[in-house]
Amino acid sequence: MTLAGPHRDDLRLTINGMDVQRFASQGQHKTLLVAMKIAEYSYMRGMLDETPMFLLDDAFSELDTGRVHRILEFAGGLGQVMITTTEGTVFGRSVTWGNHNRRFSVEHGTCRQEA
């Protein structure tokens, strides 16, 4: 068991003075999670003087289309980004697939690039 580290810290997060753990919706929780990932990315970029890979794992499941679009627009300027989702329609018209944006699917243990 690890007795020290960031996973042992108790954080009290608020939105407009309201305790996130008690009052935030699922969408607000997801939005806060993405905001914290962006903060982590920015911190690591500054500390390492390198551009890290930005990874979002199924972050869009509880978000409305407007939030998803704003996050994708922001992520488009971060460098190498990998986003996983169980529902490919979340990208809508926010992403143009092609040269720099590639889409892969995994079915029955096989990964393939989509056209």
PDB file of N, CA and C in Angstrom:
ATOM      1  N   MET A   1       0.841  -1.173   0.000  1.00  0.00           N
ATOM      2  CA  MET A   1       0.000   0.000   0.000  1.00  0.00           C
ATOM      3  C   MET A   1       0.894   1.246   0.000  1.00  0.00           C
ATOM      4  N   THR A   2       0.541   2.214  -0.800  1.00  0.00           N
ATOM      5  CA  THR A   2       1.276   3.471  -0.858  1.00  0.00           C
ATOM      6  C   THR A   2       0.650   4.453   0.126  1.00  0.00           C
ATOM      7  N   LEU A   3       1.484   5.027   0.974  1.00  0.00           N
ATOM      8  CA  LEU A   3       0.985   5.912   2.020  1.00  0.00           C
ATOM      9  C   LEU A   3       1.080   7.390   1.680  1.00  0.00           C
ATOM     10  N   ALA A   4       1.782   7.719   0.598  1.00  0.00           N
ATOM     11  CA  ALA A   4       1.938   9.121   0.213  1.00  0.00           C
ATOM     12  C   ALA A   4       1.800   9.256  -1.287  1.00  0.00           C
ATOM     13  N   GLY A   5       1.338  10.405  -1.722  1.00  0.00           N
ATOM     14  CA  GLY A   5       1.205  10.683  -3.147  1.00  0.00           C
ATOM     15  C   GLY A   5      -0.085  11.417  -3.435  1.00  0.00           C
ATOM     16  N   PRO A   6      -0.250  11.897  -4.670  1.00  0.00           N
ATOM     17  CA  PRO A   6      -1.426  12.702  -5.013  1.00  0.00           C
ATOM     18  C   PRO A   6      -2.736  11.926  -4.905  1.00  0.00           C
ATOM     19  N   HIS A   7      -2.696  10.608  -5.084  1.00  0.00           N
ATOM     20  CA  HIS A   7      -3.918   9.818  -4.974  1.00  0.00           C
ATOM     21  C   HIS A   7      -4.434   9.757  -3.534  1.00  0.00           C
ATOM     22  N   ARG A   8      -3.606  10.137  -2.568  1.00  0.00           N
ATOM     23  CA  ARG A   8      -4.000  10.143  -1.155  1.00  0.00           C
ATOM     24  C   ARG A   8      -4.504  11.512  -0.712  1.00  0.00           C
ATOM     25  N   ASP A   9      -4.388  12.515  -1.560  1.00  0.00           N
ATOM     26  CA  ASP A   9      -4.815  13.866  -1.202  1.00  0.00           C
ATOM     27  C   ASP A   9      -6.334  13.980  -1.287  1.00  0.00           C
ATOM     28  N   ASP A  10      -6.903  14.676  -0.349  1.00  0.00           N
ATOM     29  CA  ASP A  10      -8.329  14.982  -0.387  1.00  0.00           C
ATOM     30  C   ASP A  10      -8.477  16.390  -0.942  1.00  0.00           C
ATOM     31  N   LEU A  11      -9.105  16.510  -2.094  1.00  0.00           N
ATOM     32  CA  LEU A  11      -9.332  17.805  -2.710  1.00  0.00           C
ATOM     33  C   LEU A  11     -10.791  18.186  -2.532  1.00  0.00           C
ATOM     34  N   ARG A  12     -11.014  19.424  -2.228  1.00  0.00           N
ATOM     35  CA  ARG A  12     -12.381  19.946  -2.174  1.00  0.00           C
ATOM     36  C   ARG A  12     -12.544  20.862  -3.374  1.00  0.00           C
ATOM     37  N   LEU A  13     -13.328  20.418  -4.332  1.00  0.00           N
ATOM     38  CA  LEU A  13     -13.541  21.175  -5.559  1.00  0.00           C
ATOM     39  C   LEU A  13     -14.934  21.789  -5.529  1.00  0.00           C
ATOM     40  N   THR A  14     -15.010  23.024  -6.008  1.00  0.00           N
ATOM     41  CA  THR A  14     -16.291  23.723  -6.026  1.00  0.00           C
ATOM     42  C   THR A  14     -16.545  24.347  -7.390  1.00  0.00           C
ATOM     43  N   ILE A  15     -17.803  24.510  -7.695  1.00  0.00           N
ATOM     44  CA  ILE A  15     -18.248  25.264  -8.868  1.00  0.00           C
ATOM     45  C   ILE A  15     -19.200  26.325  -8.338  1.00  0.00           C
ATOM     46  N   ASN A  16     -18.843  27.576  -8.520  1.00  0.00           N
ATOM     47  CA  ASN A  16     -19.634  28.697  -7.994  1.00  0.00           C
ATOM     48  C   ASN A  16     -19.914  28.521  -6.499  1.00  0.00           C
ATOM     49  N   GLY A  17     -18.901  28.060  -5.753  1.00  0.00           N
ATOM     50  CA  GLY A  17     -19.015  27.903  -4.314  1.00  0.00           C
ATOM     51  C   GLY A  17     -19.737  26.643  -3.848  1.00  0.00           C
ATOM     52  N   MET A  18     -20.247  25.854  -4.793  1.00  0.00           N
ATOM     53  CA  MET A  18     -20.980  24.629  -4.438  1.00  0.00           C
ATOM     54  C   MET A  18     -20.041  23.428  -4.521  1.00  0.00           C
ATOM     55  N   ASP A  19     -20.111  22.548  -3.537  1.00  0.00           N
ATOM     56  CA  ASP A  19     -19.282  21.361  -3.479  1.00  0.00           C
ATOM     57  C   ASP A  19     -19.596  20.437  -4.658  1.00  0.00           C
ATOM     58  N   VAL A  20     -18.583  20.170  -5.480  1.00  0.00           N
ATOM     59  CA  VAL A  20     -18.764  19.356  -6.679  1.00  0.00           C
ATOM     60  C   VAL A  20     -19.242  17.951  -6.320  1.00  0.00           C
ATOM     61  N   GLN A  21     -18.653  17.364  -5.298  1.00  0.00           N
ATOM     62  CA  GLN A  21     -18.981  15.990  -4.933  1.00  0.00           C
ATOM     63  C   GLN A  21     -20.463  15.837  -4.574  1.00  0.00           C
ATOM     64  N   ARG A  22     -21.050  16.871  -3.989  1.00  0.00           N
ATOM     65  CA  ARG A  22     -22.449  16.777  -3.546  1.00  0.00           C
ATOM     66  C   ARG A  22     -23.460  17.323  -4.542  1.00  0.00           C
ATOM     67  N   PHE A  23     -23.069  18.339  -5.315  1.00  0.00           N
ATOM     68  CA  PHE A  23     -24.084  19.051  -6.087  1.00  0.00           C
ATOM     69  C   PHE A  23     -23.908  19.036  -7.604  1.00  0.00           C
ATOM     70  N   ALA A  24     -22.755  18.628  -8.104  1.00  0.00           N
ATOM     71  CA  ALA A  24     -22.514  18.706  -9.547  1.00  0.00           C
ATOM     72  C   ALA A  24     -23.210  17.567 -10.298  1.00  0.00           C
ATOM     73  N   SER A  25     -23.658  17.873 -11.502  1.00  0.00           N
ATOM     74  CA  SER A  25     -24.257  16.854 -12.369  1.00  0.00           C
ATOM     75  C   SER A  25     -23.151  15.976 -12.960  1.00  0.00           C
ATOM     76  N   GLN A  26     -23.520  14.891 -13.614  1.00  0.00           N
ATOM     77  CA  GLN A  26     -22.535  14.024 -14.269  1.00  0.00           C
ATOM     78  C   GLN A  26     -21.766  14.803 -15.335  1.00  0.00           C
ATOM     79  N   GLY A  27     -22.466  15.654 -16.074  1.00  0.00           N
ATOM     80  CA  GLY A  27     -21.810  16.475 -17.088  1.00  0.00           C
ATOM     81  C   GLY A  27     -20.807  17.439 -16.489  1.00  0.00           C
ATOM     82  N   GLN A  28     -21.136  18.026 -15.348  1.00  0.00           N
ATOM     83  CA  GLN A  28     -20.208  18.920 -14.671  1.00  0.00           C
ATOM     84  C   GLN A  28     -18.997  18.161 -14.143  1.00  0.00           C
ATOM     85  N   HIS A  29     -19.220  16.954 -13.643  1.00  0.00           N
ATOM     86  CA  HIS A  29     -18.098  16.112 -13.200  1.00  0.00           C
ATOM     87  C   HIS A  29     -17.146  15.842 -14.358  1.00  0.00           C
ATOM     88  N   LYS A  30     -17.704  15.456 -15.505  1.00  0.00           N
ATOM     89  CA  LYS A  30     -16.876  15.159 -16.680  1.00  0.00           C
ATOM     90  C   LYS A  30     -16.145  16.401 -17.162  1.00  0.00           C
ATOM     91  N   THR A  31     -16.820  17.541 -17.170  1.00  0.00           N
ATOM     92  CA  THR A  31     -16.198  18.790 -17.600  1.00  0.00           C
ATOM     93  C   THR A  31     -15.049  19.156 -16.671  1.00  0.00           C
ATOM     94  N   LEU A  32     -15.249  18.997 -15.378  1.00  0.00           N
ATOM     95  CA  LEU A  32     -14.193  19.273 -14.406  1.00  0.00           C
ATOM     96  C   LEU A  32     -13.016  18.320 -14.608  1.00  0.00           C
ATOM     97  N   LEU A  33     -13.293  17.068 -14.876  1.00  0.00           N
ATOM     98  CA  LEU A  33     -12.240  16.095 -15.139  1.00  0.00           C
ATOM     99  C   LEU A  33     -11.405  16.514 -16.349  1.00  0.00           C
ATOM    100  N   VAL A  34     -12.068  16.935 -17.426  1.00  0.00           N
ATOM    101  CA  VAL A  34     -11.345  17.383 -18.623  1.00  0.00           C
ATOM    102  C   VAL A  34     -10.530  18.636 -18.310  1.00  0.00           C
ATOM    103  N   ALA A  35     -11.094  19.559 -17.550  1.00  0.00           N
ATOM    104  CA  ALA A  35     -10.363  20.775 -17.165  1.00  0.00           C
ATOM    105  C   ALA A  35      -9.112  20.428 -16.369  1.00  0.00           C
ATOM    106  N   MET A  36      -9.215  19.439 -15.487  1.00  0.00           N
ATOM    107  CA  MET A  36      -8.055  19.024 -14.699  1.00  0.00           C
ATOM    108  C   MET A  36      -7.007  18.348 -15.585  1.00  0.00           C
ATOM    109  N   LYS A  37      -7.447  17.591 -16.586  1.00  0.00           N
ATOM    110  CA  LYS A  37      -6.507  16.975 -17.526  1.00  0.00           C
ATOM    111  C   LYS A  37      -5.785  18.047 -18.347  1.00  0.00           C
ATOM    112  N   ILE A  38      -6.492  19.098 -18.732  1.00  0.00           N
ATOM    113  CA  ILE A  38      -5.875  20.200 -19.472  1.00  0.00           C
ATOM    114  C   ILE A  38      -4.862  20.912 -18.581  1.00  0.00           C
ATOM    115  N   ALA A  39      -5.204  21.113 -17.314  1.00  0.00           N
ATOM    116  CA  ALA A  39      -4.269  21.740 -16.378  1.00  0.00           C
ATOM    117  C   ALA A  39      -3.024  20.872 -16.199  1.00  0.00           C
ATOM    118  N   GLU A  40      -3.219  19.562 -16.092  1.00  0.00           N
ATOM    119  CA  GLU A  40      -2.090  18.636 -15.963  1.00  0.00           C
ATOM    120  C   GLU A  40      -1.197  18.705 -17.206  1.00  0.00           C
ATOM    121  N   TYR A  41      -1.822  18.723 -18.382  1.00  0.00           N
ATOM    122  CA  TYR A  41      -1.090  18.834 -19.642  1.00  0.00           C
ATOM    123  C   TYR A  41      -0.249  20.115 -19.659  1.00  0.00           C
ATOM    124  N   SER A  42      -0.871  21.233 -19.295  1.00  0.00           N
ATOM    125  CA  SER A  42      -0.172  22.518 -19.309  1.00  0.00           C
ATOM    126  C   SER A  42       0.990  22.526 -18.316  1.00  0.00           C
ATOM    127  N   TYR A  43       0.770  21.964 -17.151  1.00  0.00           N
ATOM    128  CA  TYR A  43       1.817  21.893 -16.136  1.00  0.00           C
ATOM    129  C   TYR A  43       2.996  21.055 -16.634  1.00  0.00           C
ATOM    130  N   MET A  44       2.707  19.871 -17.165  1.00  0.00           N
ATOM    131  CA  MET A  44       3.764  18.981 -17.649  1.00  0.00           C
ATOM    132  C   MET A  44       4.529  19.615 -18.812  1.00  0.00           C
ATOM    133  N   ARG A  45       3.811  20.293 -19.686  1.00  0.00           N
ATOM    134  CA  ARG A  45       4.465  20.957 -20.826  1.00  0.00           C
ATOM    135  C   ARG A  45       5.445  22.009 -20.338  1.00  0.00           C
ATOM    136  N   GLY A  46       5.035  22.765 -19.347  1.00  0.00           N
ATOM    137  CA  GLY A  46       5.909  23.796 -18.795  1.00  0.00           C
ATOM    138  C   GLY A  46       7.090  23.224 -18.025  1.00  0.00           C
ATOM    139  N   MET A  47       6.864  22.171 -17.259  1.00  0.00           N
ATOM    140  CA  MET A  47       7.925  21.581 -16.444  1.00  0.00           C
ATOM    141  C   MET A  47       8.959  20.834 -17.282  1.00  0.00           C
ATOM    142  N   LEU A  48       8.501  20.157 -18.328  1.00  0.00           N
ATOM    143  CA  LEU A  48       9.394  19.328 -19.129  1.00  0.00           C
ATOM    144  C   LEU A  48       9.965  20.056 -20.333  1.00  0.00           C
ATOM    145  N   ASP A  49       9.368  21.190 -20.676  1.00  0.00           N
ATOM    146  CA  ASP A  49       9.728  21.913 -21.892  1.00  0.00           C
ATOM    147  C   ASP A  49       9.605  20.998 -23.110  1.00  0.00           C
ATOM    148  N   GLU A  50       8.615  20.122 -23.079  1.00  0.00           N
ATOM    149  CA  GLU A  50       8.258  19.226 -24.176  1.00  0.00           C
ATOM    150  C   GLU A  50       6.743  19.210 -24.283  1.00  0.00           C
ATOM    151  N   THR A  51       6.253  18.775 -25.428  1.00  0.00           N
ATOM    152  CA  THR A  51       4.816  18.680 -25.609  1.00  0.00           C
ATOM    153  C   THR A  51       4.371  17.248 -25.336  1.00  0.00           C
ATOM    154  N   PRO A  52       3.635  17.040 -24.235  1.00  0.00           N
ATOM    155  CA  PRO A  52       3.185  15.680 -23.933  1.00  0.00           C
ATOM    156  C   PRO A  52       2.008  15.270 -24.821  1.00  0.00           C
ATOM    157  N   MET A  53       1.732  14.005 -24.859  1.00  0.00           N
ATOM    158  CA  MET A  53       0.545  13.496 -25.541  1.00  0.00           C
ATOM    159  C   MET A  53      -0.659  13.768 -24.636  1.00  0.00           C
ATOM    160  N   PHE A  54      -1.758  14.172 -25.216  1.00  0.00           N
ATOM    161  CA  PHE A  54      -2.974  14.460 -24.463  1.00  0.00           C
ATOM    162  C   PHE A  54      -3.952  13.320 -24.674  1.00  0.00           C
ATOM    163  N   LEU A  55      -4.345  12.656 -23.599  1.00  0.00           N
ATOM    164  CA  LEU A  55      -5.212  11.486 -23.685  1.00  0.00           C
ATOM    165  C   LEU A  55      -6.506  11.724 -22.935  1.00  0.00           C
ATOM    166  N   LEU A  56      -7.625  11.507 -23.618  1.00  0.00           N
ATOM    167  CA  LEU A  56      -8.943  11.535 -22.989  1.00  0.00           C
ATOM    168  C   LEU A  56      -9.586  10.172 -23.215  1.00  0.00           C
ATOM    169  N   ASP A  57      -9.909   9.500 -22.140  1.00  0.00           N
ATOM    170  CA  ASP A  57     -10.493   8.167 -22.225  1.00  0.00           C
ATOM    171  C   ASP A  57     -11.982   8.231 -21.887  1.00  0.00           C
ATOM    172  N   ASP A  58     -12.811   8.112 -22.904  1.00  0.00           N
ATOM    173  CA  ASP A  58     -14.270   8.111 -22.764  1.00  0.00           C
ATOM    174  C   ASP A  58     -14.781   9.291 -21.941  1.00  0.00           C
ATOM    175  N   ALA A  59     -14.285  10.481 -22.251  1.00  0.00           N
ATOM    176  CA  ALA A  59     -14.633  11.672 -21.486  1.00  0.00           C
ATOM    177  C   ALA A  59     -15.936  12.336 -21.934  1.00  0.00           C
ATOM    178  N   PHE A  60     -16.500  11.919 -23.055  1.00  0.00           N
ATOM    179  CA  PHE A  60     -17.632  12.645 -23.625  1.00  0.00           C
ATOM    180  C   PHE A  60     -18.996  12.028 -23.324  1.00  0.00           C
ATOM    181  N   SER A  61     -19.046  10.931 -22.595  1.00  0.00           N
ATOM    182  CA  SER A  61     -20.294  10.188 -22.428  1.00  0.00           C
ATOM    183  C   SER A  61     -21.412  10.984 -21.758  1.00  0.00           C
ATOM    184  N   GLU A  62     -21.105  11.933 -20.927  1.00  0.00           N
ATOM    185  CA  GLU A  62     -22.140  12.693 -20.205  1.00  0.00           C
ATOM    186  C   GLU A  62     -22.223  14.152 -20.663  1.00  0.00           C
ATOM    187  N   LEU A  63     -21.542  14.491 -21.762  1.00  0.00           N
ATOM    188  CA  LEU A  63     -21.467  15.895 -22.166  1.00  0.00           C
ATOM    189  C   LEU A  63     -22.400  16.211 -23.323  1.00  0.00           C
ATOM    190  N   ASP A  64     -22.900  17.444 -23.333  1.00  0.00           N
ATOM    191  CA  ASP A  64     -23.742  17.890 -24.432  1.00  0.00           C
ATOM    192  C   ASP A  64     -22.863  18.225 -25.640  1.00  0.00           C
ATOM    193  N   THR A  65     -23.476  18.329 -26.788  1.00  0.00           N
ATOM    194  CA  THR A  65     -22.771  18.546 -28.052  1.00  0.00           C
ATOM    195  C   THR A  65     -21.919  19.806 -28.034  1.00  0.00           C
ATOM    196  N   GLY A  66     -22.410  20.881 -27.433  1.00  0.00           N
ATOM    197  CA  GLY A  66     -21.654  22.138 -27.378  1.00  0.00           C
ATOM    198  C   GLY A  66     -20.347  21.989 -26.611  1.00  0.00           C
ATOM    199  N   ARG A  67     -20.397  21.314 -25.477  1.00  0.00           N
ATOM    200  CA  ARG A  67     -19.174  21.110 -24.689  1.00  0.00           C
ATOM    201  C   ARG A  67     -18.189  20.224 -25.422  1.00  0.00           C
ATOM    202  N   VAL A  68     -18.704  19.154 -26.025  1.00  0.00           N
ATOM    203  CA  VAL A  68     -17.833  18.253 -26.787  1.00  0.00           C
ATOM    204  C   VAL A  68     -17.135  19.034 -27.889  1.00  0.00           C
ATOM    205  N   HIS A  69     -17.869  19.861 -28.617  1.00  0.00           N
ATOM    206  CA  HIS A  69     -17.288  20.655 -29.712  1.00  0.00           C
ATOM    207  C   HIS A  69     -16.193  21.587 -29.188  1.00  0.00           C
ATOM    208  N   ARG A  70     -16.432  22.272 -28.059  1.00  0.00           N
ATOM    209  CA  ARG A  70     -15.432  23.193 -27.508  1.00  0.00           C
ATOM    210  C   ARG A  70     -14.180  22.449 -27.039  1.00  0.00           C
ATOM    211  N   ILE A  71     -14.362  21.278 -26.443  1.00  0.00           N
ATOM    212  CA  ILE A  71     -13.211  20.491 -25.996  1.00  0.00           C
ATOM    213  C   ILE A  71     -12.410  20.008 -27.193  1.00  0.00           C
ATOM    214  N   LEU A  72     -13.087  19.515 -28.226  1.00  0.00           N
ATOM    215  CA  LEU A  72     -12.388  19.048 -29.423  1.00  0.00           C
ATOM    216  C   LEU A  72     -11.661  20.183 -30.125  1.00  0.00           C
ATOM    217  N   GLU A  73     -12.278  21.348 -30.173  1.00  0.00           N
ATOM    218  CA  GLU A  73     -11.652  22.518 -30.786  1.00  0.00           C
ATOM    219  C   GLU A  73     -10.382  22.887 -30.017  1.00  0.00           C
ATOM    220  N   PHE A  74     -10.455  22.881 -28.708  1.00  0.00           N
ATOM    221  CA  PHE A  74      -9.296  23.192 -27.870  1.00  0.00           C
ATOM    222  C   PHE A  74      -8.212  22.130 -28.038  1.00  0.00           C
ATOM    223  N   ALA A  75      -8.605  20.872 -27.995  1.00  0.00           N
ATOM    224  CA  ALA A  75      -7.644  19.762 -28.085  1.00  0.00           C
ATOM    225  C   ALA A  75      -6.927  19.749 -29.430  1.00  0.00           C
ATOM    226  N   GLY A  76      -7.566  20.272 -30.459  1.00  0.00           N
ATOM    227  CA  GLY A  76      -6.962  20.300 -31.783  1.00  0.00           C
ATOM    228  C   GLY A  76      -5.665  21.090 -31.852  1.00  0.00           C
ATOM    229  N   GLY A  77      -5.435  21.967 -30.902  1.00  0.00           N
ATOM    230  CA  GLY A  77      -4.220  22.774 -30.891  1.00  0.00           C
ATOM    231  C   GLY A  77      -3.163  22.292 -29.912  1.00  0.00           C
ATOM    232  N   LEU A  78      -3.345  21.112 -29.344  1.00  0.00           N
ATOM    233  CA  LEU A  78      -2.435  20.639 -28.302  1.00  0.00           C
ATOM    234  C   LEU A  78      -1.289  19.773 -28.805  1.00  0.00           C
ATOM    235  N   GLY A  79      -1.286  19.385 -30.028  1.00  0.00           N
ATOM    236  CA  GLY A  79      -0.256  18.463 -30.512  1.00  0.00           C
ATOM    237  C   GLY A  79      -0.861  17.089 -30.710  1.00  0.00           C
ATOM    238  N   GLN A  80      -0.177  16.064 -30.211  1.00  0.00           N
ATOM    239  CA  GLN A  80      -0.679  14.704 -30.378  1.00  0.00           C
ATOM    240  C   GLN A  80      -1.756  14.426 -29.332  1.00  0.00           C
ATOM    241  N   VAL A  81      -2.947  14.090 -29.813  1.00  0.00           N
ATOM    242  CA  VAL A  81      -4.100  13.865 -28.953  1.00  0.00           C
ATOM    243  C   VAL A  81      -4.684  12.495 -29.270  1.00  0.00           C
ATOM    244  N   MET A  82      -5.027  11.747 -28.238  1.00  0.00           N
ATOM    245  CA  MET A  82      -5.705  10.472 -28.429  1.00  0.00           C
ATOM    246  C   MET A  82      -6.978  10.492 -27.588  1.00  0.00           C
ATOM    247  N   ILE A  83      -8.093  10.215 -28.255  1.00  0.00           N
ATOM    248  CA  ILE A  83      -9.386  10.212 -27.590  1.00  0.00           C
ATOM    249  C   ILE A  83     -10.037   8.859 -27.829  1.00  0.00           C
ATOM    250  N   THR A  84     -10.466   8.225 -26.747  1.00  0.00           N
ATOM    251  CA  THR A  84     -11.202   6.972 -26.891  1.00  0.00           C
ATOM    252  C   THR A  84     -12.667   7.233 -26.576  1.00  0.00           C
ATOM    253  N   THR A  85     -13.529   6.503 -27.253  1.00  0.00           N
ATOM    254  CA  THR A  85     -14.957   6.623 -27.010  1.00  0.00           C
ATOM    255  C   THR A  85     -15.639   5.343 -27.467  1.00  0.00           C
ATOM    256  N   THR A  86     -16.758   5.045 -26.859  1.00  0.00           N
ATOM    257  CA  THR A  86     -17.548   3.904 -27.297  1.00  0.00           C
ATOM    258  C   THR A  86     -18.590   4.337 -28.323  1.00  0.00           C
ATOM    259  N   GLU A  87     -18.725   5.642 -28.508  1.00  0.00           N
ATOM    260  CA  GLU A  87     -19.725   6.190 -29.423  1.00  0.00           C
ATOM    261  C   GLU A  87     -19.079   7.199 -30.360  1.00  0.00           C
ATOM    262  N   GLY A  88     -18.768   6.773 -31.581  1.00  0.00           N
ATOM    263  CA  GLY A  88     -18.077   7.624 -32.542  1.00  0.00           C
ATOM    264  C   GLY A  88     -18.846   8.844 -32.999  1.00  0.00           C
ATOM    265  N   THR A  89     -20.155   8.857 -32.789  1.00  0.00           N
ATOM    266  CA  THR A  89     -20.955   9.994 -33.246  1.00  0.00           C
ATOM    267  C   THR A  89     -20.709  11.253 -32.433  1.00  0.00           C
ATOM    268  N   VAL A  90     -20.014  11.158 -31.281  1.00  0.00           N
ATOM    269  CA  VAL A  90     -19.765  12.350 -30.464  1.00  0.00           C
ATOM    270  C   VAL A  90     -18.928  13.379 -31.207  1.00  0.00           C
ATOM    271  N   PHE A  91     -18.162  12.942 -32.193  1.00  0.00           N
ATOM    272  CA  PHE A  91     -17.301  13.866 -32.930  1.00  0.00           C
ATOM    273  C   PHE A  91     -18.098  14.738 -33.896  1.00  0.00           C
ATOM    274  N   GLY A  92     -19.228  14.237 -34.357  1.00  0.00           N
ATOM    275  CA  GLY A  92     -20.075  15.002 -35.265  1.00  0.00           C
ATOM    276  C   GLY A  92     -19.278  15.667 -36.367  1.00  0.00           C
ATOM    277  N   ARG A  93     -19.530  16.958 -36.576  1.00  0.00           N
ATOM    278  CA  ARG A  93     -18.799  17.732 -37.590  1.00  0.00           C
ATOM    279  C   ARG A  93     -17.608  18.460 -36.996  1.00  0.00           C
ATOM    280  N   SER A  94     -17.308  18.202 -35.726  1.00  0.00           N
ATOM    281  CA  SER A  94     -16.210  18.888 -35.050  1.00  0.00           C
ATOM    282  C   SER A  94     -14.846  18.440 -35.552  1.00  0.00           C
ATOM    283  N   VAL A  95     -14.770  17.254 -36.145  1.00  0.00           N
ATOM    284  CA  VAL A  95     -13.490  16.705 -36.595  1.00  0.00           C
ATOM    285  C   VAL A  95     -13.587  16.323 -38.062  1.00  0.00           C
ATOM    286  N   THR A  96     -12.592  16.748 -38.827  1.00  0.00           N
ATOM    287  CA  THR A  96     -12.474  16.316 -40.218  1.00  0.00           C
ATOM    288  C   THR A  96     -11.439  15.211 -40.250  1.00  0.00           C
ATOM    289  N   TRP A  97     -11.861  14.026 -40.667  1.00  0.00           N
ATOM    290  CA  TRP A  97     -10.952  12.881 -40.683  1.00  0.00           C
ATOM    291  C   TRP A  97     -10.098  12.926 -41.931  1.00  0.00           C
ATOM    292  N   GLY A  98      -8.831  12.662 -41.780  1.00  0.00           N
ATOM    293  CA  GLY A  98      -7.923  12.686 -42.926  1.00  0.00           C
ATOM    294  C   GLY A  98      -6.485  12.689 -42.485  1.00  0.00           C
ATOM    295  N   ASN A  99      -5.700  13.573 -43.093  1.00  0.00           N
ATOM    296  CA  ASN A  99      -4.251  13.591 -42.898  1.00  0.00           C
ATOM    297  C   ASN A  99      -3.821  13.607 -41.437  1.00  0.00           C
ATOM    298  N   HIS A 100      -4.246  14.587 -40.680  1.00  0.00           N
ATOM    299  CA  HIS A 100      -3.781  14.733 -39.305  1.00  0.00           C
ATOM    300  C   HIS A 100      -4.718  14.085 -38.290  1.00  0.00           C
ATOM    301  N   ASN A 101      -5.946  13.877 -38.667  1.00  0.00           N
ATOM    302  CA  ASN A 101      -6.926  13.260 -37.762  1.00  0.00           C
ATOM    303  C   ASN A 101      -7.257  11.874 -38.272  1.00  0.00           C
ATOM    304  N   ARG A 102      -6.885  10.895 -37.505  1.00  0.00           N
ATOM    305  CA  ARG A 102      -7.123   9.511 -37.909  1.00  0.00           C
ATOM    306  C   ARG A 102      -8.079   8.857 -36.933  1.00  0.00           C
ATOM    307  N   ARG A 103      -8.866   7.969 -37.483  1.00  0.00           N
ATOM    308  CA  ARG A 103      -9.880   7.276 -36.693  1.00  0.00           C
ATOM    309  C   ARG A 103      -9.634   5.771 -36.783  1.00  0.00           C
ATOM    310  N   PHE A 104      -9.590   5.140 -35.622  1.00  0.00           N
ATOM    311  CA  PHE A 104      -9.385   3.698 -35.556  1.00  0.00           C
ATOM    312  C   PHE A 104     -10.563   3.073 -34.828  1.00  0.00           C
ATOM    313  N   SER A 105     -10.865   1.844 -35.171  1.00  0.00           N
ATOM    314  CA  SER A 105     -11.898   1.109 -34.444  1.00  0.00           C
ATOM    315  C   SER A 105     -11.328  -0.233 -34.018  1.00  0.00           C
ATOM    316  N   VAL A 106     -11.832  -0.718 -32.912  1.00  0.00           N
ATOM    317  CA  VAL A 106     -11.424  -2.028 -32.414  1.00  0.00           C
ATOM    318  C   VAL A 106     -12.669  -2.891 -32.328  1.00  0.00           C
ATOM    319  N   GLU A 107     -12.661  -3.985 -33.043  1.00  0.00           N
ATOM    320  CA  GLU A 107     -13.772  -4.927 -33.009  1.00  0.00           C
ATOM    321  C   GLU A 107     -13.231  -6.328 -32.901  1.00  0.00           C
ATOM    322  N   HIS A 108     -13.746  -7.058 -31.956  1.00  0.00           N
ATOM    323  CA  HIS A 108     -13.344  -8.460 -31.733  1.00  0.00           C
ATOM    324  C   HIS A 108     -11.825  -8.596 -31.604  1.00  0.00           C
ATOM    325  N   GLY A 109     -11.203  -7.631 -30.922  1.00  0.00           N
ATOM    326  CA  GLY A 109      -9.776  -7.684 -30.676  1.00  0.00           C
ATOM    327  C   GLY A 109      -8.891  -7.252 -31.834  1.00  0.00           C
ATOM    328  N   THR A 110      -9.503  -6.755 -32.908  1.00  0.00           N
ATOM    329  CA  THR A 110      -8.739  -6.320 -34.070  1.00  0.00           C
ATOM    330  C   THR A 110      -8.878  -4.805 -34.245  1.00  0.00           C
ATOM    331  N   CYS A 111      -7.744  -4.131 -34.358  1.00  0.00           N
ATOM    332  CA  CYS A 111      -7.713  -2.678 -34.558  1.00  0.00           C
ATOM    333  C   CYS A 111      -7.504  -2.387 -36.039  1.00  0.00           C
ATOM    334  N   ARG A 112      -8.318  -1.468 -36.567  1.00  0.00           N
ATOM    335  CA  ARG A 112      -8.143  -1.077 -37.971  1.00  0.00           C
ATOM    336  C   ARG A 112      -8.397   0.410 -38.125  1.00  0.00           C
ATOM    337  N   GLN A 113      -7.663   1.005 -39.093  1.00  0.00           N
ATOM    338  CA  GLN A 113      -7.875   2.425 -39.383  1.00  0.00           C
ATOM    339  C   GLN A 113      -9.061   2.553 -40.306  1.00  0.00           C
ATOM    340  N   GLU A 114      -9.941   3.490 -39.983  1.00  0.00           N
ATOM    341  CA  GLU A 114     -11.087   3.741 -40.829  1.00  0.00           C
ATOM    342  C   GLU A 114     -10.754   4.778 -41.875  1.00  0.00           C
ATOM    343  N   ALA A 115     -11.426   4.710 -42.983  1.00  0.00           N
ATOM    344  CA  ALA A 115     -11.189   5.656 -44.089  1.00  0.00           C
ATOM    345  C   ALA A 115     -11.838   6.985 -43.803  1.00  0.00           C
TER     346      ALA A 115
END
